[in-house]
């Protein structure tokens, strides 16, 4: 029974990796005529760790899309990177410090 759960978990992880790499930066879907925008920046920020691993094996995949619209792509990318580590919840850290002082 336990081995079935492990096999199912491995299959789900592989399927998620395949789905996430379908929209990886540098995959050829964006060009100078059709650059990546804000929402692409958010998506590429969320999948950046996976893109990093895949870029080690495939030179066509990048972490960051070269063909982008500039500030808004960068803003979405960095916002997703920061929020992935809980950085947008700045009040959470302040609340913990306040609880320790009381």
Protein backbone atom coordinates (compact mmCIF):
# COMPACT_ATOMS: atom_id res chain seq x y z
CA UNK A 1 0.00 0.00 0.00
CA UNK A 2 2.83 2.39 0.89
CA UNK A 3 4.67 1.71 -2.37
CA UNK A 4 1.53 2.65 -4.33
CA UNK A 5 1.50 6.03 -2.60
CA UNK A 6 5.17 6.58 -3.38
CA UNK A 7 4.67 5.66 -7.03
CA UNK A 8 1.65 7.96 -7.26
CA UNK A 9 3.60 10.81 -5.66
CA UNK A 10 6.53 10.37 -8.07
CA UNK A 11 4.16 10.30 -11.05
CA UNK A 12 2.42 13.45 -9.86
CA UNK A 13 5.74 15.26 -9.42
CA UNK A 14 6.88 14.26 -12.91
CA UNK A 15 3.57 15.38 -14.40
CA UNK A 16 3.79 18.73 -12.61
CA UNK A 17 7.33 19.28 -13.86
CA UNK A 18 6.24 18.55 -17.43
CA UNK A 19 3.30 20.94 -17.13
CA UNK A 20 5.39 23.68 -15.57
CA UNK A 21 8.11 23.49 -18.20
CA UNK A 22 5.60 23.99 -21.00
CA UNK A 23 5.74 27.75 -20.33
CA UNK A 24 9.38 28.12 -19.34
CA UNK A 25 11.25 31.33 -20.27
CA UNK A 26 13.22 31.08 -23.49
CA UNK A 27 11.04 28.33 -24.96
CA UNK A 28 10.43 30.32 -28.14
CA UNK A 29 6.88 31.51 -27.47
CA UNK A 30 8.00 35.13 -27.00
CA UNK A 31 9.84 37.21 -29.58
CA UNK A 32 10.80 40.83 -30.18
CA UNK A 33 7.45 41.30 -31.94
CA UNK A 34 5.48 39.60 -29.13
CA UNK A 35 7.37 40.17 -25.84
CA UNK A 36 6.47 38.70 -22.47
CA UNK A 37 4.34 40.92 -20.21
CA UNK A 38 3.46 41.29 -16.56
CA UNK A 39 1.63 37.98 -16.15
CA UNK A 40 4.40 36.10 -17.93
CA UNK A 41 6.81 37.69 -15.46
CA UNK A 42 4.75 36.39 -12.55
CA UNK A 43 4.62 32.91 -14.04
CA UNK A 44 8.35 32.86 -14.80
CA UNK A 45 9.08 34.00 -11.26
CA UNK A 46 7.00 31.18 -9.79
CA UNK A 47 8.70 28.52 -11.90
CA UNK A 48 12.22 29.99 -11.63
CA UNK A 49 13.59 27.17 -9.44
CA UNK A 50 12.32 24.57 -11.90
CA UNK A 51 13.64 26.61 -14.84
CA UNK A 52 17.04 26.74 -13.15
CA UNK A 53 17.26 22.96 -12.93
CA UNK A 54 16.04 22.46 -16.50
CA UNK A 55 18.44 25.10 -17.83
CA UNK A 56 21.32 22.93 -16.62
CA UNK A 57 20.31 20.28 -19.16
CA UNK A 58 18.71 22.36 -21.93
CA UNK A 59 20.49 25.48 -23.18
CA UNK A 60 17.30 26.79 -24.84
CA UNK A 61 15.52 27.25 -21.50
CA UNK A 62 16.39 30.30 -19.39
CA UNK A 63 15.37 31.53 -15.97
CA UNK A 64 14.49 34.98 -17.30
CA UNK A 65 12.75 35.80 -20.60
CA UNK A 66 15.02 37.93 -22.77
CA UNK A 67 12.15 39.25 -24.91
CA UNK A 68 10.06 41.18 -22.38
CA UNK A 69 8.29 44.52 -22.15
CA UNK A 70 10.65 45.92 -19.52
CA UNK A 71 9.57 47.27 -16.16
CA UNK A 72 6.25 45.43 -15.91
CA UNK A 73 7.78 42.05 -16.71
CA UNK A 74 10.56 42.70 -14.19
CA UNK A 75 8.02 43.82 -11.58
CA UNK A 76 5.94 40.65 -12.03
CA UNK A 77 9.03 38.42 -12.02
CA UNK A 78 10.51 39.87 -8.83
CA UNK A 79 7.12 40.05 -7.12
CA UNK A 80 6.63 36.30 -7.75
CA UNK A 81 10.17 35.49 -6.59
CA UNK A 82 9.71 37.44 -3.35
CA UNK A 83 6.20 36.12 -2.66
CA UNK A 84 7.39 32.56 -3.18
CA UNK A 85 9.48 32.91 -0.05
CA UNK A 86 6.79 34.72 1.96
CA UNK A 87 8.37 38.12 1.51
CA UNK A 88 5.15 39.96 0.67
CA UNK A 89 3.74 39.21 4.12
CA UNK A 90 5.90 41.80 5.87
CA UNK A 91 3.45 42.20 8.74
CA UNK A 92 3.94 38.56 9.72
CA UNK A 93 7.53 39.18 10.81
CA UNK A 94 6.61 42.30 12.77
CA UNK A 95 3.89 40.45 14.61
CA UNK A 96 6.32 37.75 15.75
CA UNK A 97 8.72 40.33 17.13
CA UNK A 98 5.91 42.03 18.99
CA UNK A 99 4.78 38.70 20.51
CA UNK A 100 8.30 38.00 21.77
CA UNK A 101 8.55 41.36 23.52
CA UNK A 102 5.31 40.83 25.47
